[in-house]
Amino acid sequence: MSPPGVAHARPQPAGGAVTYGPAAPMLLAVAHGTRDRAGVAAYRELLGLVRALRPGLTVRLSFLGLAPPAPAEVLAAVRGPVVLVPLLLSTGHHVTVDLPAVRAAAPHLDIGQARPLGPDPLLAAALGDRLVEADRSPSRSSGPGGADAVVLAAAGSTDPAARTDTAAMADLLRRRLGRPVVPAHLCAVSPTPAEAVRALRAAGHQRVAVARYLMAPGDFARRADGAGGCPVSAPLGAHPDVARLVLKRFDEACGEPARPR
């Protein structure tokens, strides 16, 4: 449901730009947070793509921890309606507790909250591209798409809803690639990526790749490197399909149909 007072953007005729009135909502992207400079840069680059896709939309970035600014800092200077778009890949504590707390702490504002980014077919497309990039490494001789099975390496969570989301994302990626995709977790629950790689090899899959199901470089991304001597894709980062997905979630929260890709 749209936050009270939100004036929606109005799509123009085919090929035209999207215009926004003075009371249009701001898109406040909320990331998990990282101390890694490359990780912060990746989020900023992603939002640069979002702005390029939707000129005229006010887009800001915030972090739930480890890097400034916090959502509350951004909201302190806002007077109009806002939609929080979590740059998070699954349901979990941040989505169900932290973001509602952000909204409750600013009762004077009209604040909507979008769904997390995953699972979604747009992420499957982005993950597929990152896997092809990893397989183009000069040390690889099998050519793009050479893996016959994939491990989807998510951050991990004790929240059952988060694990369900990761499993659903693995199924979407399996359908896109046409080969087995096994979910794995870098913390909290098993299997780890290394355990999943070993299990796939024991089942006869000799060419296994690991897809980092992570938004940006950082500690979790580094943990995925030790998955067993196989290609490991880069985090999703500033991929055009991820930028499209951010806007899709924004539009959903505004009560508008998602615009065509």
C-alpha atoms as a PDB file:
ATOM      1  CA  MET A   1       0.000   0.000   0.000  1.00  0.00           C
ATOM      2  CA  SER A   2       1.278   3.485  -0.794  1.00  0.00           C
ATOM      3  CA  PRO A   3       2.262   5.738   2.087  1.00  0.00           C
ATOM      4  CA  PRO A   4      -0.335   8.447   2.710  1.00  0.00           C
ATOM      5  CA  GLY A   5       0.203  11.579   0.644  1.00  0.00           C
ATOM      6  CA  VAL A   6       2.416   9.941  -1.988  1.00  0.00           C
ATOM      7  CA  ALA A   7       2.017  11.445  -5.452  1.00  0.00           C
ATOM      8  CA  HIS A   8       2.919   8.716  -7.897  1.00  0.00           C
ATOM      9  CA  ALA A   9       5.062   9.170 -10.952  1.00  0.00           C
ATOM     10  CA  ARG A  10       3.098   9.127 -14.171  1.00  0.00           C
ATOM     11  CA  PRO A  11       4.523   7.179 -17.099  1.00  0.00           C
ATOM     12  CA  GLN A  12       4.596   9.152 -20.329  1.00  0.00           C
ATOM     13  CA  PRO A  13       3.777   7.759 -23.802  1.00  0.00           C
ATOM     14  CA  ALA A  14       6.020   4.940 -25.014  1.00  0.00           C
ATOM     15  CA  GLY A  15       9.617   6.085 -25.166  1.00  0.00           C
ATOM     16  CA  GLY A  16       9.021   9.142 -23.002  1.00  0.00           C
ATOM     17  CA  ALA A  17      10.553  10.011 -19.643  1.00  0.00           C
ATOM     18  CA  VAL A  18       8.852   9.533 -16.296  1.00  0.00           C
ATOM     19  CA  THR A  19       7.919  12.786 -14.587  1.00  0.00           C
ATOM     20  CA  TYR A  20       7.545  13.446 -10.864  1.00  0.00           C
ATOM     21  CA  GLY A  21       5.488  16.007  -9.059  1.00  0.00           C
ATOM     22  CA  PRO A  22       6.689  18.012  -6.051  1.00  0.00           C
ATOM     23  CA  ALA A  23       5.190  15.477  -3.627  1.00  0.00           C
ATOM     24  CA  ALA A  24       6.707  12.403  -5.290  1.00  0.00           C
ATOM     25  CA  PRO A  25       8.330   9.931  -2.897  1.00  0.00           C
ATOM     26  CA  MET A  26      12.047   9.702  -2.392  1.00  0.00           C
ATOM     27  CA  LEU A  27      13.647   6.287  -2.860  1.00  0.00           C
ATOM     28  CA  LEU A  28      15.808   5.617   0.193  1.00  0.00           C
ATOM     29  CA  ALA A  29      17.883   2.515  -0.461  1.00  0.00           C
ATOM     30  CA  VAL A  30      18.916   0.755   2.746  1.00  0.00           C
ATOM     31  CA  ALA A  31      21.921  -1.565   2.614  1.00  0.00           C
ATOM     32  CA  HIS A  32      23.255  -3.921   5.276  1.00  0.00           C
ATOM     33  CA  GLY A  33      26.512  -1.980   5.575  1.00  0.00           C
ATOM     34  CA  THR A  34      30.196  -2.709   5.180  1.00  0.00           C
ATOM     35  CA  ARG A  35      33.551  -1.239   6.168  1.00  0.00           C
ATOM     36  CA  ASP A  36      34.939  -2.333   2.817  1.00  0.00           C
ATOM     37  CA  ARG A  37      35.511   0.702   0.582  1.00  0.00           C
ATOM     38  CA  ALA A  38      34.931  -1.372  -2.530  1.00  0.00           C
ATOM     39  CA  GLY A  39      31.620  -2.530  -1.062  1.00  0.00           C
ATOM     40  CA  VAL A  40      30.450   1.037  -0.376  1.00  0.00           C
ATOM     41  CA  ALA A  41      31.574   2.050  -3.872  1.00  0.00           C
ATOM     42  CA  ALA A  42      29.582  -0.841  -5.388  1.00  0.00           C
ATOM     43  CA  TYR A  43      26.388   0.341  -3.692  1.00  0.00           C
ATOM     44  CA  ARG A  44      26.973   3.896  -4.878  1.00  0.00           C
ATOM     45  CA  GLU A  45      27.585   2.685  -8.428  1.00  0.00           C
ATOM     46  CA  LEU A  46      24.387   0.631  -8.304  1.00  0.00           C
ATOM     47  CA  LEU A  47      22.352   3.671  -7.292  1.00  0.00           C
ATOM     48  CA  GLY A  48      24.015   5.616 -10.084  1.00  0.00           C
ATOM     49  CA  LEU A  49      22.465   3.097 -12.478  1.00  0.00           C
ATOM     50  CA  VAL A  50      19.097   3.511 -10.743  1.00  0.00           C
ATOM     51  CA  ARG A  51      19.239   7.285 -11.218  1.00  0.00           C
ATOM     52  CA  ALA A  52      20.170   6.873 -14.871  1.00  0.00           C
ATOM     53  CA  LEU A  53      17.181   4.578 -15.407  1.00  0.00           C
ATOM     54  CA  ARG A  54      14.752   6.966 -13.690  1.00  0.00           C
ATOM     55  CA  PRO A  55      15.830  10.608 -14.145  1.00  0.00           C
ATOM     56  CA  GLY A  56      13.977  12.955 -11.844  1.00  0.00           C
ATOM     57  CA  LEU A  57      13.576  10.434  -9.046  1.00  0.00           C
ATOM     58  CA  THR A  58      15.326  11.409  -5.820  1.00  0.00           C
ATOM     59  CA  VAL A  59      17.487   8.448  -4.780  1.00  0.00           C
ATOM     60  CA  ARG A  60      19.529   8.277  -1.590  1.00  0.00           C
ATOM     61  CA  LEU A  61      21.686   5.565  -0.012  1.00  0.00           C
ATOM     62  CA  SER A  62      21.893   4.592   3.662  1.00  0.00           C
ATOM     63  CA  PHE A  63      23.341   1.754   5.722  1.00  0.00           C
ATOM     64  CA  LEU A  64      22.025  -0.147   8.719  1.00  0.00           C
ATOM     65  CA  GLY A  65      25.518  -0.291  10.193  1.00  0.00           C
ATOM     66  CA  LEU A  66      29.274  -0.102   9.616  1.00  0.00           C
ATOM     67  CA  ALA A  67      29.099   2.828   7.176  1.00  0.00           C
ATOM     68  CA  PRO A  68      27.381   6.223   7.137  1.00  0.00           C
ATOM     69  CA  PRO A  69      24.808   7.552   6.711  1.00  0.00           C
ATOM     70  CA  ALA A  70      22.218   5.715   8.783  1.00  0.00           C
ATOM     71  CA  PRO A  71      18.614   5.840   7.541  1.00  0.00           C
ATOM     72  CA  ALA A  72      17.694   8.131  10.451  1.00  0.00           C
ATOM     73  CA  GLU A  73      20.342  10.648   9.365  1.00  0.00           C
ATOM     74  CA  VAL A  74      18.897  10.838   5.879  1.00  0.00           C
ATOM     75  CA  LEU A  75      15.302  10.996   7.094  1.00  0.00           C
ATOM     76  CA  ALA A  76      16.105  13.862   9.491  1.00  0.00           C
ATOM     77  CA  ALA A  77      16.441  16.171   6.493  1.00  0.00           C
ATOM     78  CA  VAL A  78      13.385  14.870   4.598  1.00  0.00           C
ATOM     79  CA  ARG A  79       9.993  16.540   4.535  1.00  0.00           C
ATOM     80  CA  GLY A  80       8.083  14.596   1.870  1.00  0.00           C
ATOM     81  CA  PRO A  81       7.069  10.954   1.454  1.00  0.00           C
ATOM     82  CA  VAL A  82       9.699   8.218   1.356  1.00  0.00           C
ATOM     83  CA  VAL A  83       9.869   4.606   0.236  1.00  0.00           C
ATOM     84  CA  LEU A  84      12.493   2.432   1.918  1.00  0.00           C
ATOM     85  CA  VAL A  85      13.926  -0.089  -0.543  1.00  0.00           C
ATOM     86  CA  PRO A  86      16.031  -2.731   1.234  1.00  0.00           C
ATOM     87  CA  LEU A  87      19.139  -3.653  -0.730  1.00  0.00           C
ATOM     88  CA  LEU A  88      18.793  -7.044   0.925  1.00  0.00           C
ATOM     89  CA  LEU A  89      18.386 -10.412  -0.742  1.00  0.00           C
ATOM     90  CA  SER A  90      15.956 -12.103   1.629  1.00  0.00           C
ATOM     91  CA  THR A  91      13.519 -11.650   4.474  1.00  0.00           C
ATOM     92  CA  GLY A  92      15.118 -11.500   7.899  1.00  0.00           C
ATOM     93  CA  HIS A  93      15.656  -9.413  11.025  1.00  0.00           C
ATOM     94  CA  HIS A  94      16.602  -6.282   9.093  1.00  0.00           C
ATOM     95  CA  VAL A  95      13.413  -6.422   7.033  1.00  0.00           C
ATOM     96  CA  THR A  96      11.006  -7.457   9.787  1.00  0.00           C
ATOM     97  CA  VAL A  97      12.463  -5.535  12.746  1.00  0.00           C
ATOM     98  CA  ASP A  98      15.080  -2.912  11.835  1.00  0.00           C
ATOM     99  CA  LEU A  99      13.266  -1.219   8.968  1.00  0.00           C
ATOM    100  CA  PRO A 100       9.914  -1.022  10.789  1.00  0.00           C
ATOM    101  CA  ALA A 101      11.851   0.573  13.663  1.00  0.00           C
ATOM    102  CA  VAL A 102      13.257   3.152  11.257  1.00  0.00           C
ATOM    103  CA  ARG A 103       9.722   3.998  10.173  1.00  0.00           C
ATOM    104  CA  ALA A 104       8.424   4.141  13.741  1.00  0.00           C
ATOM    105  CA  ALA A 105      11.206   6.560  14.714  1.00  0.00           C
ATOM    106  CA  ALA A 106       9.982   9.082  12.125  1.00  0.00           C
ATOM    107  CA  PRO A 107       6.206   9.239  12.701  1.00  0.00           C
ATOM    108  CA  HIS A 108       6.023  12.701  11.112  1.00  0.00           C
ATOM    109  CA  LEU A 109       6.915  11.246   7.699  1.00  0.00           C
ATOM    110  CA  ASP A 110       4.930   9.165   5.238  1.00  0.00           C
ATOM    111  CA  ILE A 111       7.240   6.154   4.863  1.00  0.00           C
ATOM    112  CA  GLY A 112       6.509   3.070   2.820  1.00  0.00           C
ATOM    113  CA  GLN A 113       8.615  -0.072   2.827  1.00  0.00           C
ATOM    114  CA  ALA A 114       9.366  -2.216  -0.208  1.00  0.00           C
ATOM    115  CA  ARG A 115      10.033  -5.935  -0.242  1.00  0.00           C
ATOM    116  CA  PRO A 116      13.618  -7.243  -0.175  1.00  0.00           C
ATOM    117  CA  LEU A 117      15.172  -7.710  -3.602  1.00  0.00           C
ATOM    118  CA  GLY A 118      15.194 -11.494  -3.582  1.00  0.00           C
ATOM    119  CA  PRO A 119      14.095 -13.873  -4.764  1.00  0.00           C
ATOM    120  CA  ASP A 120      13.401 -12.559  -8.271  1.00  0.00           C
ATOM    121  CA  PRO A 121      14.088 -13.626 -11.886  1.00  0.00           C
ATOM    122  CA  LEU A 122      16.048 -10.405 -12.435  1.00  0.00           C
ATOM    123  CA  LEU A 123      18.545 -11.625  -9.846  1.00  0.00           C
ATOM    124  CA  ALA A 124      18.807 -14.952 -11.673  1.00  0.00           C
ATOM    125  CA  ALA A 125      19.732 -13.044 -14.821  1.00  0.00           C
ATOM    126  CA  ALA A 126      22.374 -11.020 -12.973  1.00  0.00           C
ATOM    127  CA  LEU A 127      23.800 -14.117 -11.255  1.00  0.00           C
ATOM    128  CA  GLY A 128      24.021 -15.868 -14.613  1.00  0.00           C
ATOM    129  CA  ASP A 129      26.017 -12.984 -16.068  1.00  0.00           C
ATOM    130  CA  ARG A 130      28.389 -12.957 -13.090  1.00  0.00           C
ATOM    131  CA  LEU A 131      28.972 -16.702 -13.515  1.00  0.00           C
ATOM    132  CA  VAL A 132      29.853 -16.222 -17.187  1.00  0.00           C
ATOM    133  CA  GLU A 133      32.294 -13.476 -16.209  1.00  0.00           C
ATOM    134  CA  ALA A 134      33.948 -15.779 -13.644  1.00  0.00           C
ATOM    135  CA  ASP A 135      34.258 -18.565 -16.199  1.00  0.00           C
ATOM    136  CA  ARG A 136      36.049 -16.253 -18.636  1.00  0.00           C
ATOM    137  CA  SER A 137      39.069 -16.152 -16.334  1.00  0.00           C
ATOM    138  CA  PRO A 138      42.318 -16.804 -18.273  1.00  0.00           C
ATOM    139  CA  SER A 139      42.925 -19.874 -16.089  1.00  0.00           C
ATOM    140  CA  ARG A 140      39.735 -21.512 -17.360  1.00  0.00           C
ATOM    141  CA  SER A 141      39.745 -23.608 -20.520  1.00  0.00           C
ATOM    142  CA  SER A 142      36.147 -24.814 -20.630  1.00  0.00           C
ATOM    143  CA  GLY A 143      34.682 -21.583 -21.984  1.00  0.00           C
ATOM    144  CA  PRO A 144      31.725 -19.567 -20.661  1.00  0.00           C
ATOM    145  CA  GLY A 145      29.054 -21.614 -18.953  1.00  0.00           C
ATOM    146  CA  GLY A 146      31.428 -24.552 -18.419  1.00  0.00           C
ATOM    147  CA  ALA A 147      30.177 -25.502 -14.944  1.00  0.00           C
ATOM    148  CA  ASP A 148      27.785 -28.444 -14.798  1.00  0.00           C
ATOM    149  CA  ALA A 149      26.520 -27.525 -11.301  1.00  0.00           C
ATOM    150  CA  VAL A 150      26.407 -24.330  -9.241  1.00  0.00           C
ATOM    151  CA  VAL A 151      26.517 -23.532  -5.540  1.00  0.00           C
ATOM    152  CA  LEU A 152      24.517 -20.427  -4.591  1.00  0.00           C
ATOM    153  CA  ALA A 153      26.497 -18.912  -1.711  1.00  0.00           C
ATOM    154  CA  ALA A 154      24.251 -16.706   0.447  1.00  0.00           C
ATOM    155  CA  ALA A 155      25.270 -14.877   3.608  1.00  0.00           C
ATOM    156  CA  GLY A 156      23.191 -17.176   5.821  1.00  0.00           C
ATOM    157  CA  SER A 157      20.614 -16.584   8.522  1.00  0.00           C
ATOM    158  CA  THR A 158      18.922 -18.394  11.383  1.00  0.00           C
ATOM    159  CA  ASP A 159      15.597 -17.007  10.138  1.00  0.00           C
ATOM    160  CA  PRO A 160      13.668 -19.795   8.367  1.00  0.00           C
ATOM    161  CA  ALA A 161      12.105 -17.228   6.015  1.00  0.00           C
ATOM    162  CA  ALA A 162      15.559 -16.181   4.826  1.00  0.00           C
ATOM    163  CA  ARG A 163      16.513 -19.794   4.108  1.00  0.00           C
ATOM    164  CA  THR A 164      13.247 -20.272   2.224  1.00  0.00           C
ATOM    165  CA  ASP A 165      14.026 -17.202   0.117  1.00  0.00           C
ATOM    166  CA  THR A 166      17.519 -18.490  -0.665  1.00  0.00           C
ATOM    167  CA  ALA A 167      16.144 -21.885  -1.686  1.00  0.00           C
ATOM    168  CA  ALA A 168      13.624 -20.165  -3.958  1.00  0.00           C
ATOM    169  CA  MET A 169      16.425 -18.129  -5.519  1.00  0.00           C
ATOM    170  CA  ALA A 170      18.422 -21.301  -6.134  1.00  0.00           C
ATOM    171  CA  ASP A 171      15.416 -22.753  -7.943  1.00  0.00           C
ATOM    172  CA  LEU A 172      15.060 -19.646 -10.124  1.00  0.00           C
ATOM    173  CA  LEU A 173      18.745 -19.835 -11.033  1.00  0.00           C
ATOM    174  CA  ARG A 174      18.447 -23.562 -11.757  1.00  0.00           C
ATOM    175  CA  ARG A 175      15.614 -22.903 -14.164  1.00  0.00           C
ATOM    176  CA  ARG A 176      17.582 -20.158 -15.892  1.00  0.00           C
ATOM    177  CA  LEU A 177      20.812 -22.154 -16.229  1.00  0.00           C
ATOM    178  CA  GLY A 178      19.324 -25.594 -16.852  1.00  0.00           C
ATOM    179  CA  ARG A 179      21.692 -27.273 -14.409  1.00  0.00           C
ATOM    180  CA  PRO A 180      21.674 -28.155 -10.689  1.00  0.00           C
ATOM    181  CA  VAL A 181      21.935 -25.244  -8.246  1.00  0.00           C
ATOM    182  CA  VAL A 182      22.429 -25.966  -4.538  1.00  0.00           C
ATOM    183  CA  PRO A 183      21.911 -23.254  -1.884  1.00  0.00           C
ATOM    184  CA  ALA A 184      24.689 -22.799   0.675  1.00  0.00           C
ATOM    185  CA  HIS A 185      25.349 -20.386   3.523  1.00  0.00           C
ATOM    186  CA  LEU A 186      28.445 -18.511   4.666  1.00  0.00           C
ATOM    187  CA  CYS A 187      27.336 -18.409   8.311  1.00  0.00           C
ATOM    188  CA  ALA A 188      24.641 -19.537  10.767  1.00  0.00           C
ATOM    189  CA  VAL A 189      23.480 -22.696   8.972  1.00  0.00           C
ATOM    190  CA  SER A 190      24.815 -25.439   6.742  1.00  0.00           C
ATOM    191  CA  PRO A 191      25.836 -26.465   4.222  1.00  0.00           C
ATOM    192  CA  THR A 192      28.723 -24.082   3.717  1.00  0.00           C
ATOM    193  CA  PRO A 193      29.783 -23.424   0.117  1.00  0.00           C
ATOM    194  CA  ALA A 194      32.780 -25.732   0.541  1.00  0.00           C
ATOM    195  CA  GLU A 195      30.538 -28.521   1.855  1.00  0.00           C
ATOM    196  CA  ALA A 196      28.127 -28.031  -1.037  1.00  0.00           C
ATOM    197  CA  VAL A 197      30.976 -28.155  -3.572  1.00  0.00           C
ATOM    198  CA  ARG A 198      32.270 -31.405  -2.074  1.00  0.00           C
ATOM    199  CA  ALA A 199      28.789 -32.948  -2.120  1.00  0.00           C
ATOM    200  CA  LEU A 200      28.274 -32.035  -5.773  1.00  0.00           C
ATOM    201  CA  ARG A 201      31.642 -33.495  -6.729  1.00  0.00           C
ATOM    202  CA  ALA A 202      30.872 -36.655  -4.800  1.00  0.00           C
ATOM    203  CA  ALA A 203      27.662 -36.892  -6.831  1.00  0.00           C
ATOM    204  CA  GLY A 204      29.672 -36.807 -10.055  1.00  0.00           C
ATOM    205  CA  HIS A 205      29.719 -33.086 -10.927  1.00  0.00           C
ATOM    206  CA  GLN A 206      33.338 -32.312 -11.741  1.00  0.00           C
ATOM    207  CA  ARG A 207      32.897 -28.753 -13.007  1.00  0.00           C
ATOM    208  CA  VAL A 208      31.320 -26.824 -10.128  1.00  0.00           C
ATOM    209  CA  ALA A 209      31.094 -23.047  -9.829  1.00  0.00           C
ATOM    210  CA  VAL A 210      30.098 -20.845  -6.906  1.00  0.00           C
ATOM    211  CA  ALA A 211      27.725 -17.909  -7.404  1.00  0.00           C
ATOM    212  CA  ARG A 212      28.171 -15.262  -4.756  1.00  0.00           C
ATOM    213  CA  TYR A 213      24.591 -14.384  -3.785  1.00  0.00           C
ATOM    214  CA  LEU A 214      25.797 -11.187  -2.157  1.00  0.00           C
ATOM    215  CA  MET A 215      25.252  -7.553  -2.961  1.00  0.00           C
ATOM    216  CA  ALA A 216      28.779  -6.162  -2.689  1.00  0.00           C
ATOM    217  CA  PRO A 217      32.418  -6.863  -1.767  1.00  0.00           C
ATOM    218  CA  GLY A 218      33.111  -7.314   1.925  1.00  0.00           C
ATOM    219  CA  ASP A 219      33.783  -9.918   4.585  1.00  0.00           C
ATOM    220  CA  PHE A 220      31.188 -12.417   3.374  1.00  0.00           C
ATOM    221  CA  ALA A 221      32.394 -12.082  -0.207  1.00  0.00           C
ATOM    222  CA  ARG A 222      35.929 -12.945   0.909  1.00  0.00           C
ATOM    223  CA  ARG A 223      34.695 -15.996   2.829  1.00  0.00           C
ATOM    224  CA  ALA A 224      33.274 -17.413  -0.402  1.00  0.00           C
ATOM    225  CA  ASP A 225      36.768 -17.559  -1.945  1.00  0.00           C
ATOM    226  CA  GLY A 226      37.663 -20.729  -0.080  1.00  0.00           C
ATOM    227  CA  ALA A 227      34.936 -22.866  -1.601  1.00  0.00           C
ATOM    228  CA  GLY A 228      37.120 -25.551  -3.103  1.00  0.00           C
ATOM    229  CA  GLY A 229      39.290 -24.437  -6.004  1.00  0.00           C
ATOM    230  CA  CYS A 230      36.463 -23.672  -8.440  1.00  0.00           C
ATOM    231  CA  PRO A 231      35.340 -20.500 -10.218  1.00  0.00           C
ATOM    232  CA  VAL A 232      33.635 -18.036  -7.865  1.00  0.00           C
ATOM    233  CA  SER A 233      31.577 -15.220  -9.339  1.00  0.00           C
ATOM    234  CA  ALA A 234      31.715 -11.598  -8.245  1.00  0.00           C
ATOM    235  CA  PRO A 235      28.958 -10.174  -6.020  1.00  0.00           C
ATOM    236  CA  LEU A 236      25.907  -8.792  -7.793  1.00  0.00           C
ATOM    237  CA  GLY A 237      27.028  -5.189  -7.390  1.00  0.00           C
ATOM    238  CA  ALA A 238      26.155  -2.585 -10.018  1.00  0.00           C
ATOM    239  CA  HIS A 239      24.446  -4.876 -12.501  1.00  0.00           C
ATOM    240  CA  PRO A 240      21.749  -3.313 -14.731  1.00  0.00           C
ATOM    241  CA  ASP A 241      19.204  -5.984 -13.798  1.00  0.00           C
ATOM    242  CA  VAL A 242      19.744  -5.283 -10.095  1.00  0.00           C
ATOM    243  CA  ALA A 243      19.137  -1.584 -10.764  1.00  0.00           C
ATOM    244  CA  ARG A 244      15.917  -2.488 -12.597  1.00  0.00           C
ATOM    245  CA  LEU A 245      14.889  -4.613  -9.645  1.00  0.00           C
ATOM    246  CA  VAL A 246      15.416  -1.736  -7.194  1.00  0.00           C
ATOM    247  CA  LEU A 247      12.975   0.320  -9.246  1.00  0.00           C
ATOM    248  CA  LYS A 248      10.578  -2.613  -9.528  1.00  0.00           C
ATOM    249  CA  ARG A 249      10.421  -2.878  -5.735  1.00  0.00           C
ATOM    250  CA  PHE A 250       9.985   0.904  -5.445  1.00  0.00           C
ATOM    251  CA  ASP A 251       7.092   0.869  -7.905  1.00  0.00           C
ATOM    252  CA  GLU A 252       5.442  -2.054  -6.099  1.00  0.00           C
ATOM    253  CA  ALA A 253       5.620  -0.186  -2.800  1.00  0.00           C
ATOM    254  CA  CYS A 254       4.103   2.887  -4.453  1.00  0.00           C
ATOM    255  CA  GLY A 255       1.197   0.773  -5.618  1.00  0.00           C
ATOM    256  CA  GLU A 256       2.120   1.105  -9.280  1.00  0.00           C
ATOM    257  CA  PRO A 257       2.569  -1.737 -11.747  1.00  0.00           C
ATOM    258  CA  ALA A 258       6.201  -2.486 -12.500  1.00  0.00           C
ATOM    259  CA  ARG A 259       7.311  -0.805 -15.697  1.00  0.00           C
ATOM    260  CA  PRO A 260       8.558  -2.912 -18.597  1.00  0.00           C
ATOM    261  CA  ARG A 261      12.267  -3.736 -18.671  1.00  0.00           C
END
